[in-house]
Amino acid sequence: MKYIFHILLICLFSTQLYAQTDSTQNNSLLQELNASTADQEKLLPNKMMITQRMLWGEKGLMRKFNRFELTPEKRQNELKLRRTALAAHQVLGFATMGGMLAQGIVGSRLYNGNNNLKDTHEALGAAVNFTYFTTASLSLFAPPKLIDERKGYSSIKVHKWLALVHMSAMIATNVLAERIEDRPDLKPYHRAAAYTAFGAFAASMLIIKF
């Protein structure tokens, strides 16, 4: 469980959480990519997450492999990989949301005295943590898009702001869960953190979908 906490903390301080789909932009992005010059700066956005810059930046780890050299043709393949990763991000996101809902229902019954559900609640918690981290990683480590995000309000920016909220609440939920057995007085705070995580996560998924 501590390993998951460390991963989530890394994700939290990755400055920006890009969790968006590019399915409506792929045609224009590919056209712009094909029309670009050999100038490498035009093949990457100016702003990237730390995780993306480490892997996919001009001197990123992935650039050491011939398959991922920074060329227009290979960047086109990266955009296809990005599209696949973000599609999986969405699918796993809704699976995570369903797991959170199930865990909340079981948790409410557990709080009402049905101790037979303790193992079920813990199993659901482990599953939710796994899918949550996997969902986040698909966005954090996907290749960057071609152009910088436009200025002003967008559903993508709201999605990222909500991601900071639900990730903070997710960390708090897990930390408090580890201490509840010795500190039963923490139960209300654990529940509040869990509800906040679910609410923010559900909102972030729905706003990007609709």
N, C-alpha and C. Protein backbone atom coordinates (compact mmCIF):
# COMPACT_ATOMS: atom_id res chain seq x y z
N MET A 1 0.82 -1.20 0.00
CA MET A 1 0.00 0.00 0.00
C MET A 1 0.86 1.26 0.00
N LYS A 2 2.00 1.23 0.75
CA LYS A 2 2.87 2.40 0.77
C LYS A 2 3.43 2.69 -0.61
N TYR A 3 3.67 1.63 -1.40
CA TYR A 3 4.16 1.82 -2.78
C TYR A 3 3.16 2.63 -3.58
N ILE A 4 1.87 2.33 -3.40
CA ILE A 4 0.83 3.06 -4.12
C ILE A 4 0.81 4.52 -3.70
N PHE A 5 1.01 4.77 -2.36
CA PHE A 5 1.03 6.14 -1.88
C PHE A 5 2.14 6.93 -2.57
N HIS A 6 3.34 6.33 -2.67
CA HIS A 6 4.45 7.03 -3.30
C HIS A 6 4.16 7.34 -4.76
N ILE A 7 3.56 6.38 -5.45
CA ILE A 7 3.23 6.60 -6.86
C ILE A 7 2.24 7.74 -7.01
N LEU A 8 1.22 7.75 -6.14
CA LEU A 8 0.20 8.79 -6.24
C LEU A 8 0.78 10.16 -5.91
N LEU A 9 1.71 10.20 -4.94
CA LEU A 9 2.35 11.47 -4.61
C LEU A 9 3.17 12.00 -5.77
N ILE A 10 3.86 11.11 -6.47
CA ILE A 10 4.62 11.51 -7.65
C ILE A 10 3.68 12.10 -8.69
N CYS A 11 2.56 11.42 -8.86
CA CYS A 11 1.58 11.89 -9.84
C CYS A 11 1.05 13.27 -9.45
N LEU A 12 0.81 13.49 -8.12
CA LEU A 12 0.22 14.74 -7.65
C LEU A 12 1.10 15.93 -7.94
N PHE A 13 2.42 15.76 -7.80
CA PHE A 13 3.34 16.87 -8.00
C PHE A 13 3.92 16.88 -9.40
N SER A 14 3.23 16.29 -10.34
CA SER A 14 3.66 16.36 -11.74
C SER A 14 3.16 17.62 -12.41
N THR A 15 2.84 18.65 -11.60
CA THR A 15 2.47 20.02 -12.00
C THR A 15 1.18 20.10 -12.77
N GLN A 16 1.01 19.30 -13.77
CA GLN A 16 -0.20 19.35 -14.56
C GLN A 16 -0.60 17.94 -14.89
N LEU A 17 -1.88 17.68 -14.81
CA LEU A 17 -2.35 16.33 -15.13
C LEU A 17 -3.12 16.40 -16.43
N TYR A 18 -2.49 15.93 -17.50
CA TYR A 18 -3.12 15.96 -18.81
C TYR A 18 -3.88 14.66 -18.97
N ALA A 19 -5.21 14.77 -18.93
CA ALA A 19 -6.02 13.57 -19.09
C ALA A 19 -7.11 13.90 -20.09
N GLN A 20 -6.79 13.84 -21.37
CA GLN A 20 -7.73 14.25 -22.38
C GLN A 20 -7.71 13.30 -23.55
N THR A 21 -8.77 13.34 -24.35
CA THR A 21 -8.83 12.53 -25.55
C THR A 21 -8.61 13.42 -26.75
N ASP A 22 -7.93 12.88 -27.76
CA ASP A 22 -7.59 13.66 -28.93
C ASP A 22 -8.34 13.16 -30.16
N SER A 23 -9.37 12.36 -29.96
CA SER A 23 -10.04 11.73 -31.10
C SER A 23 -10.62 12.76 -32.07
N THR A 24 -11.08 13.93 -31.54
CA THR A 24 -11.66 14.95 -32.42
C THR A 24 -10.61 15.83 -33.05
N GLN A 25 -9.32 15.67 -32.61
CA GLN A 25 -8.28 16.54 -33.12
C GLN A 25 -7.27 15.80 -33.98
N ASN A 26 -7.40 14.50 -34.08
CA ASN A 26 -6.35 13.71 -34.71
C ASN A 26 -6.09 14.11 -36.16
N ASN A 27 -7.15 14.36 -36.93
CA ASN A 27 -6.95 14.69 -38.34
C ASN A 27 -6.16 15.98 -38.49
N SER A 28 -6.54 17.02 -37.74
CA SER A 28 -5.84 18.30 -37.85
C SER A 28 -4.42 18.18 -37.33
N LEU A 29 -4.22 17.40 -36.27
CA LEU A 29 -2.88 17.24 -35.72
C LEU A 29 -1.97 16.54 -36.70
N LEU A 30 -2.46 15.50 -37.35
CA LEU A 30 -1.64 14.76 -38.30
C LEU A 30 -1.33 15.60 -39.53
N GLN A 31 -2.29 16.42 -39.95
CA GLN A 31 -2.04 17.30 -41.08
C GLN A 31 -0.97 18.31 -40.74
N GLU A 32 -1.04 18.85 -39.53
CA GLU A 32 -0.04 19.83 -39.11
C GLU A 32 1.33 19.17 -38.99
N LEU A 33 1.34 17.94 -38.51
CA LEU A 33 2.61 17.22 -38.36
C LEU A 33 3.25 16.96 -39.71
N ASN A 34 2.45 16.51 -40.68
CA ASN A 34 2.99 16.23 -42.00
C ASN A 34 3.50 17.48 -42.69
N ALA A 35 2.91 18.63 -42.35
CA ALA A 35 3.30 19.88 -42.99
C ALA A 35 4.45 20.57 -42.26
N SER A 36 4.87 20.02 -41.13
CA SER A 36 5.93 20.66 -40.34
C SER A 36 7.28 20.51 -41.02
N THR A 37 8.21 21.39 -40.65
CA THR A 37 9.55 21.33 -41.19
C THR A 37 10.40 20.42 -40.34
N ALA A 38 11.72 20.38 -40.68
CA ALA A 38 12.61 19.51 -39.92
C ALA A 38 12.97 20.11 -38.57
N ASP A 39 12.48 21.30 -38.30
CA ASP A 39 12.77 21.95 -37.02
C ASP A 39 12.17 21.12 -35.90
N GLN A 40 13.00 20.54 -35.02
CA GLN A 40 12.52 19.64 -34.00
C GLN A 40 11.63 20.33 -32.99
N GLU A 41 11.82 21.63 -32.76
CA GLU A 41 11.03 22.32 -31.77
C GLU A 41 9.55 22.29 -32.12
N LYS A 42 9.23 22.21 -33.41
CA LYS A 42 7.84 22.20 -33.84
C LYS A 42 7.20 20.81 -33.69
N LEU A 43 7.98 19.83 -33.37
CA LEU A 43 7.45 18.49 -33.21
C LEU A 43 6.98 18.22 -31.80
N LEU A 44 7.27 19.14 -30.87
CA LEU A 44 6.89 18.97 -29.47
C LEU A 44 6.24 20.25 -28.96
N PRO A 45 5.28 20.13 -28.05
CA PRO A 45 4.69 21.33 -27.46
C PRO A 45 5.69 22.01 -26.53
N ASN A 46 5.50 23.29 -26.27
CA ASN A 46 6.39 24.00 -25.36
C ASN A 46 6.19 23.56 -23.92
N LYS A 47 4.95 23.20 -23.59
CA LYS A 47 4.63 22.80 -22.22
C LYS A 47 4.31 21.32 -22.17
N MET A 48 5.03 20.62 -21.29
CA MET A 48 4.78 19.20 -21.06
C MET A 48 4.87 18.92 -19.58
N MET A 49 4.23 17.85 -19.13
CA MET A 49 4.39 17.41 -17.75
C MET A 49 5.81 16.93 -17.52
N ILE A 50 6.23 16.91 -16.28
CA ILE A 50 7.57 16.42 -15.95
C ILE A 50 7.75 15.00 -16.45
N THR A 51 6.73 14.17 -16.23
CA THR A 51 6.83 12.77 -16.64
C THR A 51 6.97 12.65 -18.15
N GLN A 52 6.25 13.47 -18.89
CA GLN A 52 6.34 13.43 -20.34
C GLN A 52 7.68 13.96 -20.83
N ARG A 53 8.16 15.02 -20.20
CA ARG A 53 9.44 15.58 -20.62
C ARG A 53 10.58 14.60 -20.37
N MET A 54 10.51 13.87 -19.25
CA MET A 54 11.54 12.89 -18.94
C MET A 54 11.59 11.77 -19.98
N LEU A 55 10.40 11.37 -20.46
CA LEU A 55 10.33 10.26 -21.41
C LEU A 55 10.39 10.71 -22.86
N TRP A 56 9.62 11.77 -23.18
CA TRP A 56 9.38 12.12 -24.58
C TRP A 56 9.95 13.47 -24.99
N GLY A 57 10.63 14.16 -24.08
CA GLY A 57 11.25 15.43 -24.44
C GLY A 57 12.34 15.24 -25.49
N GLU A 58 12.88 16.34 -25.96
CA GLU A 58 13.90 16.27 -27.02
C GLU A 58 15.07 15.38 -26.61
N LYS A 59 15.39 15.36 -25.30
CA LYS A 59 16.47 14.52 -24.78
C LYS A 59 15.94 13.48 -23.81
N GLY A 60 14.65 13.13 -23.97
CA GLY A 60 14.02 12.17 -23.07
C GLY A 60 14.57 10.76 -23.22
N LEU A 61 14.22 9.92 -22.26
CA LEU A 61 14.72 8.55 -22.25
C LEU A 61 14.31 7.77 -23.49
N MET A 62 13.10 8.01 -23.99
CA MET A 62 12.62 7.25 -25.15
C MET A 62 13.37 7.62 -26.41
N ARG A 63 13.99 8.81 -26.44
CA ARG A 63 14.70 9.26 -27.64
C ARG A 63 16.00 8.48 -27.86
N LYS A 64 16.40 7.71 -26.87
CA LYS A 64 17.61 6.89 -27.01
C LYS A 64 17.38 5.67 -27.89
N PHE A 65 16.09 5.36 -28.12
CA PHE A 65 15.74 4.22 -28.96
C PHE A 65 15.45 4.71 -30.38
N ASN A 66 15.97 4.00 -31.35
CA ASN A 66 15.81 4.38 -32.75
C ASN A 66 14.34 4.51 -33.13
N ARG A 67 13.50 3.68 -32.54
CA ARG A 67 12.07 3.68 -32.88
C ARG A 67 11.41 5.01 -32.52
N PHE A 68 11.98 5.72 -31.54
CA PHE A 68 11.36 6.94 -31.06
C PHE A 68 12.23 8.17 -31.30
N GLU A 69 13.02 8.13 -32.35
CA GLU A 69 13.76 9.33 -32.72
C GLU A 69 12.79 10.45 -33.06
N LEU A 70 13.22 11.67 -32.81
CA LEU A 70 12.32 12.81 -32.99
C LEU A 70 12.30 13.24 -34.45
N THR A 71 11.43 12.59 -35.22
CA THR A 71 11.24 12.92 -36.63
C THR A 71 9.74 13.05 -36.88
N PRO A 72 9.35 13.74 -37.94
CA PRO A 72 7.91 13.89 -38.23
C PRO A 72 7.20 12.54 -38.37
N GLU A 73 7.83 11.60 -39.06
CA GLU A 73 7.19 10.30 -39.29
C GLU A 73 6.98 9.54 -37.97
N LYS A 74 8.00 9.56 -37.12
CA LYS A 74 7.90 8.82 -35.86
C LYS A 74 7.04 9.53 -34.84
N ARG A 75 6.95 10.84 -34.94
CA ARG A 75 6.02 11.56 -34.07
C ARG A 75 4.58 11.22 -34.43
N GLN A 76 4.35 10.94 -35.71
CA GLN A 76 3.01 10.54 -36.12
C GLN A 76 2.63 9.22 -35.44
N ASN A 77 3.59 8.31 -35.35
CA ASN A 77 3.33 7.05 -34.65
C ASN A 77 3.11 7.28 -33.15
N GLU A 78 3.81 8.26 -32.60
CA GLU A 78 3.62 8.58 -31.19
C GLU A 78 2.22 9.11 -30.93
N LEU A 79 1.70 9.89 -31.87
CA LEU A 79 0.35 10.41 -31.70
C LEU A 79 -0.68 9.29 -31.73
N LYS A 80 -0.43 8.26 -32.54
CA LYS A 80 -1.31 7.10 -32.55
C LYS A 80 -1.24 6.36 -31.22
N LEU A 81 -0.02 6.24 -30.68
CA LEU A 81 0.15 5.61 -29.38
C LEU A 81 -0.55 6.41 -28.29
N ARG A 82 -0.45 7.72 -28.40
CA ARG A 82 -1.12 8.60 -27.44
C ARG A 82 -2.63 8.39 -27.48
N ARG A 83 -3.17 8.32 -28.69
CA ARG A 83 -4.61 8.14 -28.83
C ARG A 83 -5.06 6.83 -28.19
N THR A 84 -4.29 5.76 -28.39
CA THR A 84 -4.62 4.47 -27.79
C THR A 84 -4.56 4.53 -26.27
N ALA A 85 -3.50 5.17 -25.75
CA ALA A 85 -3.33 5.27 -24.30
C ALA A 85 -4.47 6.06 -23.66
N LEU A 86 -4.89 7.14 -24.30
CA LEU A 86 -5.95 7.96 -23.72
C LEU A 86 -7.32 7.32 -23.86
N ALA A 87 -7.49 6.50 -24.89
CA ALA A 87 -8.74 5.74 -25.00
C ALA A 87 -8.83 4.73 -23.86
N ALA A 88 -7.72 4.04 -23.58
CA ALA A 88 -7.68 3.11 -22.46
C ALA A 88 -7.84 3.85 -21.13
N HIS A 89 -7.31 5.06 -21.06
CA HIS A 89 -7.45 5.91 -19.88
C HIS A 89 -8.93 6.15 -19.58
N GLN A 90 -9.71 6.43 -20.59
CA GLN A 90 -11.13 6.66 -20.40
C GLN A 90 -11.85 5.40 -19.93
N VAL A 91 -11.57 4.29 -20.57
CA VAL A 91 -12.24 3.03 -20.22
C VAL A 91 -11.94 2.66 -18.77
N LEU A 92 -10.67 2.69 -18.41
CA LEU A 92 -10.29 2.36 -17.03
C LEU A 92 -10.81 3.39 -16.04
N GLY A 93 -10.96 4.63 -16.50
CA GLY A 93 -11.49 5.66 -15.63
C GLY A 93 -12.92 5.35 -15.21
N PHE A 94 -13.74 4.92 -16.16
CA PHE A 94 -15.12 4.57 -15.81
C PHE A 94 -15.17 3.29 -14.98
N ALA A 95 -14.25 2.36 -15.22
CA ALA A 95 -14.18 1.16 -14.38
C ALA A 95 -13.81 1.54 -12.95
N THR A 96 -12.88 2.48 -12.81
CA THR A 96 -12.49 2.96 -11.49
C THR A 96 -13.65 3.64 -10.79
N MET A 97 -14.40 4.43 -11.53
CA MET A 97 -15.55 5.12 -10.96
C MET A 97 -16.58 4.12 -10.44
N GLY A 98 -16.81 3.05 -11.20
CA GLY A 98 -17.72 2.00 -10.75
C GLY A 98 -17.21 1.31 -9.50
N GLY A 99 -15.90 1.06 -9.44
CA GLY A 99 -15.31 0.44 -8.25
C GLY A 99 -15.42 1.33 -7.04
N MET A 100 -15.24 2.64 -7.23
CA MET A 100 -15.39 3.58 -6.13
C MET A 100 -16.81 3.58 -5.58
N LEU A 101 -17.77 3.53 -6.49
CA LEU A 101 -19.17 3.51 -6.08
C LEU A 101 -19.48 2.25 -5.27
N ALA A 102 -19.01 1.10 -5.76
CA ALA A 102 -19.23 -0.16 -5.05
C ALA A 102 -18.56 -0.14 -3.68
N GLN A 103 -17.36 0.39 -3.62
CA GLN A 103 -16.64 0.47 -2.35
C GLN A 103 -17.37 1.39 -1.38
N GLY A 104 -17.93 2.47 -1.89
CA GLY A 104 -18.68 3.38 -1.03
C GLY A 104 -19.92 2.73 -0.44
N ILE A 105 -20.62 1.95 -1.25
CA ILE A 105 -21.82 1.26 -0.76
C ILE A 105 -21.46 0.25 0.32
N VAL A 106 -20.43 -0.55 0.03
CA VAL A 106 -19.98 -1.54 1.01
C VAL A 106 -19.46 -0.84 2.27
N GLY A 107 -18.73 0.26 2.09
CA GLY A 107 -18.20 0.98 3.23
C GLY A 107 -19.29 1.53 4.13
N SER A 108 -20.38 2.00 3.54
CA SER A 108 -21.49 2.52 4.33
C SER A 108 -22.12 1.42 5.19
N ARG A 109 -22.27 0.24 4.61
CA ARG A 109 -22.82 -0.90 5.36
C ARG A 109 -21.85 -1.35 6.45
N LEU A 110 -20.57 -1.25 6.16
CA LEU A 110 -19.55 -1.61 7.15
C LEU A 110 -19.61 -0.65 8.32
N TYR A 111 -19.77 0.63 8.04
CA TYR A 111 -19.87 1.64 9.10
C TYR A 111 -21.11 1.44 9.95
N ASN A 112 -22.15 0.85 9.36
CA ASN A 112 -23.39 0.61 10.09
C ASN A 112 -23.36 -0.67 10.91
N GLY A 113 -22.20 -1.32 10.97
CA GLY A 113 -22.05 -2.48 11.85
C GLY A 113 -21.96 -3.82 11.19
N ASN A 114 -21.99 -3.87 9.86
CA ASN A 114 -21.91 -5.16 9.16
C ASN A 114 -20.43 -5.50 8.95
N ASN A 115 -19.79 -6.02 9.98
CA ASN A 115 -18.35 -6.29 9.93
C ASN A 115 -17.98 -7.45 9.01
N ASN A 116 -18.96 -8.20 8.55
CA ASN A 116 -18.69 -9.31 7.63
C ASN A 116 -18.18 -8.80 6.27
N LEU A 117 -18.40 -7.51 6.02
CA LEU A 117 -18.01 -6.93 4.73
C LEU A 117 -16.63 -6.30 4.75
N LYS A 118 -15.90 -6.45 5.86
CA LYS A 118 -14.59 -5.81 5.97
C LYS A 118 -13.63 -6.29 4.89
N ASP A 119 -13.56 -7.62 4.68
CA ASP A 119 -12.65 -8.16 3.66
C ASP A 119 -13.05 -7.71 2.26
N THR A 120 -14.36 -7.66 2.02
CA THR A 120 -14.85 -7.20 0.72
C THR A 120 -14.47 -5.74 0.48
N HIS A 121 -14.63 -4.93 1.52
CA HIS A 121 -14.29 -3.52 1.41
C HIS A 121 -12.79 -3.33 1.12
N GLU A 122 -11.96 -4.10 1.79
CA GLU A 122 -10.52 -3.99 1.57
C GLU A 122 -10.12 -4.47 0.18
N ALA A 123 -10.78 -5.54 -0.29
CA ALA A 123 -10.48 -6.05 -1.63
C ALA A 123 -10.88 -5.03 -2.70
N LEU A 124 -12.03 -4.40 -2.51
CA LEU A 124 -12.46 -3.36 -3.44
C LEU A 124 -11.50 -2.17 -3.40
N GLY A 125 -11.02 -1.85 -2.20
CA GLY A 125 -10.07 -0.75 -2.07
C GLY A 125 -8.78 -1.01 -2.83
N ALA A 126 -8.28 -2.24 -2.74
CA ALA A 126 -7.06 -2.60 -3.46
C ALA A 126 -7.28 -2.52 -4.97
N ALA A 127 -8.43 -3.00 -5.42
CA ALA A 127 -8.74 -2.97 -6.85
C ALA A 127 -8.87 -1.54 -7.35
N VAL A 128 -9.54 -0.69 -6.58
CA VAL A 128 -9.72 0.70 -6.97
C VAL A 128 -8.37 1.42 -7.03
N ASN A 129 -7.51 1.17 -6.05
CA ASN A 129 -6.18 1.79 -6.07
C ASN A 129 -5.39 1.37 -7.31
N PHE A 130 -5.50 0.10 -7.66
CA PHE A 130 -4.76 -0.39 -8.83
C PHE A 130 -5.27 0.26 -10.12
N THR A 131 -6.58 0.27 -10.32
CA THR A 131 -7.13 0.85 -11.55
C THR A 131 -6.94 2.37 -11.56
N TYR A 132 -7.00 3.00 -10.39
CA TYR A 132 -6.80 4.44 -10.31
C TYR A 132 -5.38 4.81 -10.75
N PHE A 133 -4.38 4.10 -10.21
CA PHE A 133 -3.00 4.38 -10.58
C PHE A 133 -2.76 4.09 -12.06
N THR A 134 -3.31 2.99 -12.55
CA THR A 134 -3.13 2.63 -13.95
C THR A 134 -3.76 3.69 -14.86
N THR A 135 -4.95 4.15 -14.49
CA THR A 135 -5.62 5.20 -15.25
C THR A 135 -4.77 6.46 -15.31
N ALA A 136 -4.22 6.85 -14.15
CA ALA A 136 -3.38 8.06 -14.09
C ALA A 136 -2.12 7.89 -14.94
N SER A 137 -1.50 6.71 -14.85
CA SER A 137 -0.23 6.50 -15.56
C SER A 137 -0.42 6.56 -17.07
N LEU A 138 -1.57 6.13 -17.56
CA LEU A 138 -1.83 6.16 -19.00
C LEU A 138 -1.83 7.59 -19.53
N SER A 139 -2.19 8.53 -18.68
CA SER A 139 -2.15 9.93 -19.08
C SER A 139 -0.79 10.55 -18.81
N LEU A 140 -0.22 10.25 -17.64
CA LEU A 140 1.05 10.86 -17.24
C LEU A 140 2.21 10.48 -18.15
N PHE A 141 2.19 9.25 -18.65
CA PHE A 141 3.33 8.75 -19.41
C PHE A 141 3.04 8.60 -20.91
N ALA A 142 1.87 9.04 -21.34
CA ALA A 142 1.57 9.00 -22.78
C ALA A 142 2.43 10.03 -23.51
N PRO A 143 2.74 9.80 -24.78
CA PRO A 143 3.48 10.81 -25.55
C PRO A 143 2.72 12.14 -25.55
N PRO A 144 3.42 13.25 -25.59
CA PRO A 144 2.75 14.55 -25.57
C PRO A 144 2.03 14.83 -26.89
N LYS A 145 1.05 15.71 -26.83
CA LYS A 145 0.38 16.11 -28.06
C LYS A 145 1.29 17.02 -28.87
N LEU A 146 0.84 17.41 -30.04
CA LEU A 146 1.70 18.15 -30.95
C LEU A 146 1.78 19.63 -30.63
N ILE A 147 0.65 20.22 -30.24
CA ILE A 147 0.60 21.66 -30.03
C ILE A 147 0.22 21.97 -28.59
N ASP A 148 0.53 23.18 -28.15
CA ASP A 148 0.18 23.59 -26.80
C ASP A 148 -1.32 23.78 -26.67
N GLU A 149 -1.80 23.61 -25.46
CA GLU A 149 -3.23 23.79 -25.20
C GLU A 149 -3.60 25.25 -25.38
N ARG A 150 -4.77 25.48 -25.98
CA ARG A 150 -5.22 26.85 -26.21
C ARG A 150 -5.51 27.54 -24.88
N LYS A 151 -5.38 28.85 -24.90
CA LYS A 151 -5.63 29.63 -23.70
C LYS A 151 -7.13 29.76 -23.45
N GLY A 152 -7.48 30.07 -22.20
CA GLY A 152 -8.87 30.24 -21.85
C GLY A 152 -9.48 28.98 -21.26
N TYR A 153 -10.77 29.06 -20.99
CA TYR A 153 -11.49 27.96 -20.37
C TYR A 153 -11.64 26.79 -21.34
N SER A 154 -11.54 25.58 -20.80
CA SER A 154 -11.83 24.39 -21.58
C SER A 154 -12.16 23.26 -20.62
N SER A 155 -12.88 22.26 -21.12
CA SER A 155 -13.23 21.11 -20.28
C SER A 155 -11.98 20.35 -19.86
N ILE A 156 -10.93 20.41 -20.69
CA ILE A 156 -9.68 19.74 -20.36
C ILE A 156 -9.05 20.36 -19.12
N LYS A 157 -9.07 21.68 -19.02
CA LYS A 157 -8.49 22.35 -17.86
C LYS A 157 -9.29 22.03 -16.60
N VAL A 158 -10.61 22.01 -16.70
CA VAL A 158 -11.44 21.64 -15.55
C VAL A 158 -11.13 20.21 -15.14
N HIS A 159 -10.96 19.34 -16.12
CA HIS A 159 -10.62 17.94 -15.86
C HIS A 159 -9.32 17.85 -15.05
N LYS A 160 -8.34 18.66 -15.40
CA LYS A 160 -7.05 18.64 -14.71
C LYS A 160 -7.18 19.20 -13.29
N TRP A 161 -7.95 20.28 -13.13
CA TRP A 161 -8.14 20.85 -11.79
C TRP A 161 -8.83 19.85 -10.87
N LEU A 162 -9.85 19.20 -11.40
CA LEU A 162 -10.55 18.19 -10.61
C LEU A 162 -9.63 17.00 -10.29
N ALA A 163 -8.71 16.72 -11.20
CA ALA A 163 -7.76 15.62 -10.96
C ALA A 163 -6.90 15.90 -9.73
N LEU A 164 -6.49 17.14 -9.55
CA LEU A 164 -5.72 17.49 -8.36
C LEU A 164 -6.54 17.29 -7.10
N VAL A 165 -7.83 17.59 -7.18
CA VAL A 165 -8.71 17.42 -6.02
C VAL A 165 -8.89 15.95 -5.69
N HIS A 166 -9.26 15.13 -6.70
CA HIS A 166 -9.54 13.73 -6.38
C HIS A 166 -8.27 12.96 -6.04
N MET A 167 -7.12 13.38 -6.58
CA MET A 167 -5.89 12.68 -6.21
C MET A 167 -5.50 12.99 -4.78
N SER A 168 -5.65 14.25 -4.36
CA SER A 168 -5.38 14.61 -2.97
C SER A 168 -6.31 13.86 -2.03
N ALA A 169 -7.58 13.79 -2.40
CA ALA A 169 -8.56 13.09 -1.56
C ALA A 169 -8.29 11.58 -1.55
N MET A 170 -7.82 11.06 -2.67
CA MET A 170 -7.50 9.63 -2.74
C MET A 170 -6.34 9.29 -1.81
N ILE A 171 -5.33 10.13 -1.78
CA ILE A 171 -4.20 9.91 -0.89
C ILE A 171 -4.67 9.97 0.56
N ALA A 172 -5.48 10.98 0.88
CA ALA A 172 -5.99 11.12 2.24
C ALA A 172 -6.82 9.91 2.64
N THR A 173 -7.64 9.42 1.72
CA THR A 173 -8.48 8.25 2.00
C THR A 173 -7.63 7.05 2.37
N ASN A 174 -6.57 6.81 1.62
CA ASN A 174 -5.71 5.66 1.88
C ASN A 174 -4.92 5.81 3.17
N VAL A 175 -4.42 7.01 3.44
CA VAL A 175 -3.67 7.26 4.67
C VAL A 175 -4.57 7.04 5.89
N LEU A 176 -5.78 7.59 5.84
CA LEU A 176 -6.71 7.45 6.96
C LEU A 176 -7.16 6.00 7.12
N ALA A 177 -7.31 5.27 6.00
CA ALA A 177 -7.73 3.87 6.08
C ALA A 177 -6.73 3.03 6.86
N GLU A 178 -5.44 3.38 6.74
CA GLU A 178 -4.39 2.64 7.44
C GLU A 178 -4.43 2.89 8.95
N ARG A 179 -5.06 3.99 9.36
CA ARG A 179 -5.02 4.37 10.77
C ARG A 179 -6.35 4.15 11.50
N ILE A 180 -7.40 3.82 10.76
CA ILE A 180 -8.73 3.71 11.37
C ILE A 180 -8.79 2.62 12.43
N GLU A 181 -8.10 1.51 12.19
CA GLU A 181 -8.19 0.39 13.14
C GLU A 181 -7.71 0.81 14.53
N ASP A 182 -6.69 1.65 14.58
CA ASP A 182 -6.19 2.14 15.87
C ASP A 182 -6.85 3.44 16.30
N ARG A 183 -7.43 4.14 15.33
CA ARG A 183 -8.07 5.43 15.62
C ARG A 183 -9.47 5.47 15.03
N PRO A 184 -10.45 4.81 15.68
CA PRO A 184 -11.81 4.80 15.15
C PRO A 184 -12.42 6.19 14.98
N ASP A 185 -11.88 7.17 15.74
CA ASP A 185 -12.40 8.53 15.66
C ASP A 185 -12.12 9.18 14.30
N LEU A 186 -11.26 8.54 13.49
CA LEU A 186 -10.93 9.08 12.17
C LEU A 186 -11.93 8.66 11.09
N LYS A 187 -12.88 7.82 11.44
CA LYS A 187 -13.82 7.31 10.45
C LYS A 187 -14.56 8.41 9.69
N PRO A 188 -15.08 9.44 10.39
CA PRO A 188 -15.79 10.49 9.64
C PRO A 188 -14.90 11.20 8.61
N TYR A 189 -13.63 11.37 8.94
CA TYR A 189 -12.71 12.04 8.02
C TYR A 189 -12.37 11.12 6.83
N HIS A 190 -12.26 9.83 7.14
CA HIS A 190 -12.02 8.86 6.07
C HIS A 190 -13.19 8.85 5.09
N ARG A 191 -14.39 8.85 5.63
CA ARG A 191 -15.58 8.86 4.77
C ARG A 191 -15.65 10.14 3.95
N ALA A 192 -15.37 11.27 4.58
CA ALA A 192 -15.42 12.55 3.86
C ALA A 192 -14.39 12.58 2.74
N ALA A 193 -13.20 12.08 3.00
CA ALA A 193 -12.16 12.05 1.97
C ALA A 193 -12.56 11.13 0.82
N ALA A 194 -13.15 9.97 1.16
CA ALA A 194 -13.58 9.02 0.13
C ALA A 194 -14.68 9.61 -0.74
N TYR A 195 -15.65 10.28 -0.11
CA TYR A 195 -16.73 10.90 -0.88
C TYR A 195 -16.21 12.02 -1.77
N THR A 196 -15.24 12.78 -1.26
CA THR A 196 -14.64 13.85 -2.06
C THR A 196 -13.91 13.28 -3.26
N ALA A 197 -13.17 12.19 -3.03
CA ALA A 197 -12.44 11.55 -4.13
C ALA A 197 -13.40 11.06 -5.20
N PHE A 198 -14.47 10.41 -4.77
CA PHE A 198 -15.44 9.88 -5.74
C PHE A 198 -16.12 11.02 -6.49
N GLY A 199 -16.57 12.04 -5.76
CA GLY A 199 -17.28 13.15 -6.41
C GLY A 199 -16.42 13.87 -7.43
N ALA A 200 -15.19 14.18 -7.05
CA ALA A 200 -14.30 14.90 -7.97
C ALA A 200 -13.90 14.02 -9.15
N PHE A 201 -13.68 12.72 -8.87
CA PHE A 201 -13.29 11.82 -9.95
C PHE A 201 -14.44 11.64 -10.95
N ALA A 202 -15.64 11.44 -10.43
CA ALA A 202 -16.80 11.27 -11.31
C ALA A 202 -17.02 12.52 -12.15
N ALA A 203 -16.91 13.70 -11.52
CA ALA A 203 -17.10 14.94 -12.26
C ALA A 203 -16.03 15.10 -13.35
N SER A 204 -14.79 14.73 -13.03
CA SER A 204 -13.72 14.87 -14.02
C SER A 204 -13.91 13.95 -15.21
N MET A 205 -14.47 12.76 -14.96
CA MET A 205 -14.72 11.83 -16.05
C MET A 205 -15.90 12.29 -16.91
N LEU A 206 -16.95 12.75 -16.24
CA LEU A 206 -18.16 13.13 -16.97
C LEU A 206 -17.96 14.39 -17.79
N ILE A 207 -17.18 15.35 -17.25
CA ILE A 207 -17.01 16.61 -17.98
C ILE A 207 -16.21 16.40 -19.26
N ILE A 208 -15.31 15.43 -19.25
CA ILE A 208 -14.51 15.17 -20.45
C ILE A 208 -15.29 14.34 -21.46
N LYS A 209 -16.28 13.61 -20.96
CA LYS A 209 -17.06 12.75 -21.84
C LYS A 209 -18.21 13.50 -22.49
N PHE A 210 -18.80 14.42 -21.74
CA PHE A 210 -19.98 15.11 -22.25
C PHE A 210 -19.73 16.61 -22.45
